[in-house]
């Protein structure tokens, strides 16, 4: 099975390299991104650059048969790293996974790049990995992610009530899913 390496109109989606360590480290410690994407305590000790390098070295050893695939999102024109994501909890027997995506560089928010990247990741999951279902968990306050996933056909399947503790209160988390048959039939909203 091939590794995730895909080219879209404006992006390269490919495995991380150690060259990504500084940007990835900054994003992994950015309070706004942590608030929207992470279950860890808000006042946690920041990840060191060395921690991030060790993480990148560890995931570079993953094979296409791993239960998780981390990927980097680069601009096509200058190969600049602008985001990252993962395909996680890959269950080949039940043919399902969960996905996550982050455009870390705020200069590229609102330009449709997350949608472009996620479309390629969805295609990889269904066509290359042969999966039947892709899931996602999104915090109830994360309107950008909700619009992104719903715009690609993901359906809200449920709510995990008061799932995460954010800024002193408990917040719901929504469960989303997309089936291969829905994707193939083009039931997603092309926006």
C-alpha atoms as a PDB file:
ATOM      1  CA  UNK A   1       0.000   0.000   0.000  1.00  0.00           C
ATOM      2  CA  UNK A   2       1.325   3.434  -0.890  1.00  0.00           C
ATOM      3  CA  UNK A   3       2.029   6.247   1.565  1.00  0.00           C
ATOM      4  CA  UNK A   4      -0.082   9.374   1.472  1.00  0.00           C
ATOM      5  CA  UNK A   5       1.481  11.611  -1.170  1.00  0.00           C
ATOM      6  CA  UNK A   6      -0.993  13.636  -3.161  1.00  0.00           C
ATOM      7  CA  UNK A   7      -0.907  16.715  -5.339  1.00  0.00           C
ATOM      8  CA  UNK A   8      -3.923  19.011  -5.655  1.00  0.00           C
ATOM      9  CA  UNK A   9      -4.359  22.213  -7.614  1.00  0.00           C
ATOM     10  CA  UNK A  10      -2.534  24.297  -4.978  1.00  0.00           C
ATOM     11  CA  UNK A  11      -1.081  21.802  -2.503  1.00  0.00           C
ATOM     12  CA  UNK A  12       1.241  18.906  -1.838  1.00  0.00           C
ATOM     13  CA  UNK A  13       0.028  16.529   0.870  1.00  0.00           C
ATOM     14  CA  UNK A  14       2.901  14.322   1.933  1.00  0.00           C
ATOM     15  CA  UNK A  15       4.753  12.796   4.882  1.00  0.00           C
ATOM     16  CA  UNK A  16       6.468  15.101   7.347  1.00  0.00           C
ATOM     17  CA  UNK A  17      10.220  15.665   7.325  1.00  0.00           C
ATOM     18  CA  UNK A  18      12.477  17.058  10.036  1.00  0.00           C
ATOM     19  CA  UNK A  19      12.421  20.361   8.124  1.00  0.00           C
ATOM     20  CA  UNK A  20       8.880  20.803   9.480  1.00  0.00           C
ATOM     21  CA  UNK A  21       9.975  20.760  13.136  1.00  0.00           C
ATOM     22  CA  UNK A  22      10.085  24.503  13.885  1.00  0.00           C
ATOM     23  CA  UNK A  23       6.723  25.393  12.341  1.00  0.00           C
ATOM     24  CA  UNK A  24       5.036  22.305  13.708  1.00  0.00           C
ATOM     25  CA  UNK A  25       6.418  23.053  17.164  1.00  0.00           C
ATOM     26  CA  UNK A  26       5.089  26.625  17.029  1.00  0.00           C
ATOM     27  CA  UNK A  27       1.647  25.407  15.959  1.00  0.00           C
ATOM     28  CA  UNK A  28       1.560  22.648  18.584  1.00  0.00           C
ATOM     29  CA  UNK A  29       2.136  25.357  21.210  1.00  0.00           C
ATOM     30  CA  UNK A  30      -0.176  28.048  19.748  1.00  0.00           C
ATOM     31  CA  UNK A  31      -2.991  28.719  22.220  1.00  0.00           C
ATOM     32  CA  UNK A  32      -5.653  29.360  19.552  1.00  0.00           C
ATOM     33  CA  UNK A  33      -4.883  26.094  17.766  1.00  0.00           C
ATOM     34  CA  UNK A  34      -4.713  24.153  21.036  1.00  0.00           C
ATOM     35  CA  UNK A  35      -8.085  25.557  22.057  1.00  0.00           C
ATOM     36  CA  UNK A  36      -9.743  24.346  18.835  1.00  0.00           C
ATOM     37  CA  UNK A  37      -7.898  21.056  18.329  1.00  0.00           C
ATOM     38  CA  UNK A  38      -6.491  19.600  21.522  1.00  0.00           C
ATOM     39  CA  UNK A  39      -7.797  17.880  24.644  1.00  0.00           C
ATOM     40  CA  UNK A  40      -4.737  18.770  26.717  1.00  0.00           C
ATOM     41  CA  UNK A  41      -4.837  21.296  29.586  1.00  0.00           C
ATOM     42  CA  UNK A  42      -4.584  24.899  28.418  1.00  0.00           C
ATOM     43  CA  UNK A  43      -1.847  25.673  30.947  1.00  0.00           C
ATOM     44  CA  UNK A  44       0.329  22.734  30.001  1.00  0.00           C
ATOM     45  CA  UNK A  45       4.098  22.847  29.619  1.00  0.00           C
ATOM     46  CA  UNK A  46       4.900  23.753  25.981  1.00  0.00           C
ATOM     47  CA  UNK A  47       6.429  21.079  23.778  1.00  0.00           C
ATOM     48  CA  UNK A  48      10.120  21.705  23.212  1.00  0.00           C
ATOM     49  CA  UNK A  49      11.574  21.805  19.724  1.00  0.00           C
ATOM     50  CA  UNK A  50      13.465  18.632  20.623  1.00  0.00           C
ATOM     51  CA  UNK A  51      10.156  16.944  21.583  1.00  0.00           C
ATOM     52  CA  UNK A  52       8.777  17.852  18.155  1.00  0.00           C
ATOM     53  CA  UNK A  53      11.892  16.541  16.405  1.00  0.00           C
ATOM     54  CA  UNK A  54      11.618  13.239  18.289  1.00  0.00           C
ATOM     55  CA  UNK A  55       7.941  13.025  17.315  1.00  0.00           C
ATOM     56  CA  UNK A  56       8.790  13.590  13.631  1.00  0.00           C
ATOM     57  CA  UNK A  57      11.544  10.971  13.783  1.00  0.00           C
ATOM     58  CA  UNK A  58       9.144   8.490  15.361  1.00  0.00           C
ATOM     59  CA  UNK A  59       6.360   9.001  12.809  1.00  0.00           C
ATOM     60  CA  UNK A  60       8.821   8.795   9.907  1.00  0.00           C
ATOM     61  CA  UNK A  61       9.188   5.112  10.826  1.00  0.00           C
ATOM     62  CA  UNK A  62       5.468   4.425  10.406  1.00  0.00           C
ATOM     63  CA  UNK A  63       4.513   2.264   7.462  1.00  0.00           C
ATOM     64  CA  UNK A  64       1.371   2.429   5.317  1.00  0.00           C
ATOM     65  CA  UNK A  65       0.058  -0.459   7.425  1.00  0.00           C
ATOM     66  CA  UNK A  66       0.227   1.615  10.633  1.00  0.00           C
ATOM     67  CA  UNK A  67      -2.947   2.550  12.506  1.00  0.00           C
ATOM     68  CA  UNK A  68      -2.137   6.235  12.102  1.00  0.00           C
ATOM     69  CA  UNK A  69      -0.832   8.322   9.215  1.00  0.00           C
ATOM     70  CA  UNK A  70       0.443  11.842   9.858  1.00  0.00           C
ATOM     71  CA  UNK A  71       0.692  14.218   6.912  1.00  0.00           C
ATOM     72  CA  UNK A  72       2.016  17.678   6.093  1.00  0.00           C
ATOM     73  CA  UNK A  73       0.276  20.227   3.879  1.00  0.00           C
ATOM     74  CA  UNK A  74       2.591  22.305   1.675  1.00  0.00           C
ATOM     75  CA  UNK A  75       1.867  25.038  -0.843  1.00  0.00           C
ATOM     76  CA  UNK A  76       2.669  23.901  -4.339  1.00  0.00           C
ATOM     77  CA  UNK A  77       4.368  27.076  -5.561  1.00  0.00           C
ATOM     78  CA  UNK A  78       7.071  27.397  -2.904  1.00  0.00           C
ATOM     79  CA  UNK A  79       6.712  24.138  -0.915  1.00  0.00           C
ATOM     80  CA  UNK A  80       5.945  26.158   2.234  1.00  0.00           C
ATOM     81  CA  UNK A  81       4.472  24.122   5.107  1.00  0.00           C
ATOM     82  CA  UNK A  82       1.055  25.593   5.979  1.00  0.00           C
ATOM     83  CA  UNK A  83      -0.666  22.806   7.899  1.00  0.00           C
ATOM     84  CA  UNK A  84      -0.854  19.211   8.990  1.00  0.00           C
ATOM     85  CA  UNK A  85      -3.244  16.439   9.885  1.00  0.00           C
ATOM     86  CA  UNK A  86      -3.684  12.771  10.537  1.00  0.00           C
ATOM     87  CA  UNK A  87      -5.676   9.741   9.630  1.00  0.00           C
ATOM     88  CA  UNK A  88      -6.055   7.968  12.970  1.00  0.00           C
ATOM     89  CA  UNK A  89      -7.501   4.821  14.473  1.00  0.00           C
ATOM     90  CA  UNK A  90      -7.295   3.066  11.118  1.00  0.00           C
ATOM     91  CA  UNK A  91      -9.239  -0.170  11.491  1.00  0.00           C
ATOM     92  CA  UNK A  92      -8.698  -2.242   8.377  1.00  0.00           C
ATOM     93  CA  UNK A  93     -11.056  -5.037   9.413  1.00  0.00           C
ATOM     94  CA  UNK A  94     -14.026  -2.715   9.986  1.00  0.00           C
ATOM     95  CA  UNK A  95     -12.707  -0.376   7.271  1.00  0.00           C
ATOM     96  CA  UNK A  96     -12.955   2.867   9.215  1.00  0.00           C
ATOM     97  CA  UNK A  97     -10.811   5.696  10.540  1.00  0.00           C
ATOM     98  CA  UNK A  98     -10.946   9.188  12.012  1.00  0.00           C
ATOM     99  CA  UNK A  99      -9.397  12.261  10.419  1.00  0.00           C
ATOM    100  CA  UNK A 100      -8.145  15.603  11.610  1.00  0.00           C
ATOM    101  CA  UNK A 101      -6.732  18.622   9.809  1.00  0.00           C
ATOM    102  CA  UNK A 102      -5.220  21.958  10.796  1.00  0.00           C
ATOM    103  CA  UNK A 103      -4.098  24.905   8.721  1.00  0.00           C
ATOM    104  CA  UNK A 104      -1.532  26.202  11.173  1.00  0.00           C
ATOM    105  CA  UNK A 105      -0.515  29.311   9.261  1.00  0.00           C
ATOM    106  CA  UNK A 106      -3.324  31.823   9.823  1.00  0.00           C
ATOM    107  CA  UNK A 107      -2.416  33.733   6.650  1.00  0.00           C
ATOM    108  CA  UNK A 108      -4.017  30.849   4.766  1.00  0.00           C
ATOM    109  CA  UNK A 109      -7.257  30.599   6.734  1.00  0.00           C
ATOM    110  CA  UNK A 110     -10.442  31.153   4.760  1.00  0.00           C
ATOM    111  CA  UNK A 111      -8.878  30.403   1.361  1.00  0.00           C
ATOM    112  CA  UNK A 112     -10.347  26.931   0.849  1.00  0.00           C
ATOM    113  CA  UNK A 113      -7.016  25.160   1.389  1.00  0.00           C
ATOM    114  CA  UNK A 114      -8.265  22.951   4.232  1.00  0.00           C
ATOM    115  CA  UNK A 115     -11.139  21.824   2.033  1.00  0.00           C
ATOM    116  CA  UNK A 116      -8.783  21.126  -0.872  1.00  0.00           C
ATOM    117  CA  UNK A 117      -6.462  19.100   1.373  1.00  0.00           C
ATOM    118  CA  UNK A 118      -9.253  17.234   3.136  1.00  0.00           C
ATOM    119  CA  UNK A 119     -10.827  16.222  -0.196  1.00  0.00           C
ATOM    120  CA  UNK A 120      -7.507  14.585  -1.126  1.00  0.00           C
ATOM    121  CA  UNK A 121      -7.278  12.855   2.267  1.00  0.00           C
ATOM    122  CA  UNK A 122     -10.858  11.558   1.942  1.00  0.00           C
ATOM    123  CA  UNK A 123     -10.064  10.224  -1.521  1.00  0.00           C
ATOM    124  CA  UNK A 124      -6.942   8.496  -0.155  1.00  0.00           C
ATOM    125  CA  UNK A 125      -8.937   6.907   2.676  1.00  0.00           C
ATOM    126  CA  UNK A 126     -11.642   5.531   0.392  1.00  0.00           C
ATOM    127  CA  UNK A 127      -9.661   4.712  -2.742  1.00  0.00           C
ATOM    128  CA  UNK A 128      -6.196   3.737  -1.500  1.00  0.00           C
ATOM    129  CA  UNK A 129      -6.874   2.457   2.018  1.00  0.00           C
ATOM    130  CA  UNK A 130     -10.169   0.877   0.927  1.00  0.00           C
ATOM    131  CA  UNK A 131     -12.068   2.213   3.930  1.00  0.00           C
ATOM    132  CA  UNK A 132     -15.842   2.454   4.150  1.00  0.00           C
ATOM    133  CA  UNK A 133     -16.286   5.103   6.855  1.00  0.00           C
ATOM    134  CA  UNK A 134     -14.407   8.222   7.912  1.00  0.00           C
ATOM    135  CA  UNK A 135     -15.205   9.799  11.248  1.00  0.00           C
ATOM    136  CA  UNK A 136     -14.321  13.073  12.906  1.00  0.00           C
ATOM    137  CA  UNK A 137     -14.865  14.596  16.334  1.00  0.00           C
ATOM    138  CA  UNK A 138     -15.304  18.380  16.407  1.00  0.00           C
ATOM    139  CA  UNK A 139     -15.774  20.664  19.402  1.00  0.00           C
ATOM    140  CA  UNK A 140     -19.224  22.275  19.362  1.00  0.00           C
ATOM    141  CA  UNK A 141     -17.750  25.794  19.276  1.00  0.00           C
ATOM    142  CA  UNK A 142     -15.460  25.119  16.292  1.00  0.00           C
ATOM    143  CA  UNK A 143     -17.664  26.646  13.591  1.00  0.00           C
ATOM    144  CA  UNK A 144     -14.904  26.643  10.950  1.00  0.00           C
ATOM    145  CA  UNK A 145     -14.363  22.892  11.240  1.00  0.00           C
ATOM    146  CA  UNK A 146     -18.093  22.197  11.349  1.00  0.00           C
ATOM    147  CA  UNK A 147     -18.582  24.132   8.084  1.00  0.00           C
ATOM    148  CA  UNK A 148     -15.580  22.392   6.502  1.00  0.00           C
ATOM    149  CA  UNK A 149     -16.677  18.853   7.323  1.00  0.00           C
ATOM    150  CA  UNK A 150     -20.375  19.422   6.631  1.00  0.00           C
ATOM    151  CA  UNK A 151     -19.443  21.075   3.321  1.00  0.00           C
ATOM    152  CA  UNK A 152     -17.714  17.844   2.319  1.00  0.00           C
ATOM    153  CA  UNK A 153     -20.716  15.702   3.179  1.00  0.00           C
ATOM    154  CA  UNK A 154     -19.955  14.608   6.731  1.00  0.00           C
ATOM    155  CA  UNK A 155     -23.134  14.134   8.733  1.00  0.00           C
ATOM    156  CA  UNK A 156     -23.502  14.921  12.409  1.00  0.00           C
ATOM    157  CA  UNK A 157     -24.248  11.578  14.016  1.00  0.00           C
ATOM    158  CA  UNK A 158     -24.315  12.524  17.653  1.00  0.00           C
ATOM    159  CA  UNK A 159     -23.038  14.574  20.546  1.00  0.00           C
ATOM    160  CA  UNK A 160     -20.661  13.620  23.312  1.00  0.00           C
ATOM    161  CA  UNK A 161     -21.989  15.887  26.020  1.00  0.00           C
ATOM    162  CA  UNK A 162     -19.545  17.950  28.072  1.00  0.00           C
ATOM    163  CA  UNK A 163     -16.638  16.000  26.610  1.00  0.00           C
ATOM    164  CA  UNK A 164     -13.814  18.526  27.018  1.00  0.00           C
ATOM    165  CA  UNK A 165     -12.871  21.179  29.551  1.00  0.00           C
ATOM    166  CA  UNK A 166     -12.168  24.515  27.848  1.00  0.00           C
ATOM    167  CA  UNK A 167     -11.661  27.896  29.516  1.00  0.00           C
ATOM    168  CA  UNK A 168     -13.250  26.775  32.765  1.00  0.00           C
ATOM    169  CA  UNK A 169     -16.310  25.054  31.349  1.00  0.00           C
ATOM    170  CA  UNK A 170     -17.278  21.712  29.866  1.00  0.00           C
ATOM    171  CA  UNK A 171     -18.019  21.717  26.138  1.00  0.00           C
ATOM    172  CA  UNK A 172     -19.806  19.240  23.878  1.00  0.00           C
ATOM    173  CA  UNK A 173     -18.065  17.401  21.084  1.00  0.00           C
ATOM    174  CA  UNK A 174     -19.883  16.443  17.879  1.00  0.00           C
ATOM    175  CA  UNK A 175     -19.427  13.107  16.144  1.00  0.00           C
ATOM    176  CA  UNK A 176     -19.343  13.261  12.339  1.00  0.00           C
ATOM    177  CA  UNK A 177     -19.186  10.519   9.737  1.00  0.00           C
ATOM    178  CA  UNK A 178     -18.899  10.114   5.980  1.00  0.00           C
ATOM    179  CA  UNK A 179     -19.554   6.834   4.153  1.00  0.00           C
ATOM    180  CA  UNK A 180     -17.814   5.755   0.973  1.00  0.00           C
ATOM    181  CA  UNK A 181     -21.164   5.356  -0.807  1.00  0.00           C
ATOM    182  CA  UNK A 182     -22.092   8.958   0.050  1.00  0.00           C
ATOM    183  CA  UNK A 183     -18.776  10.220  -1.268  1.00  0.00           C
ATOM    184  CA  UNK A 184     -19.047   8.167  -4.464  1.00  0.00           C
ATOM    185  CA  UNK A 185     -22.585   9.390  -5.102  1.00  0.00           C
ATOM    186  CA  UNK A 186     -21.412  12.975  -4.716  1.00  0.00           C
ATOM    187  CA  UNK A 187     -23.840  13.626  -1.923  1.00  0.00           C
ATOM    188  CA  UNK A 188     -21.447  16.172  -0.432  1.00  0.00           C
ATOM    189  CA  UNK A 189     -22.154  19.824  -1.066  1.00  0.00           C
ATOM    190  CA  UNK A 190     -19.656  21.241  -3.580  1.00  0.00           C
ATOM    191  CA  UNK A 191     -18.909  24.730  -2.243  1.00  0.00           C
END
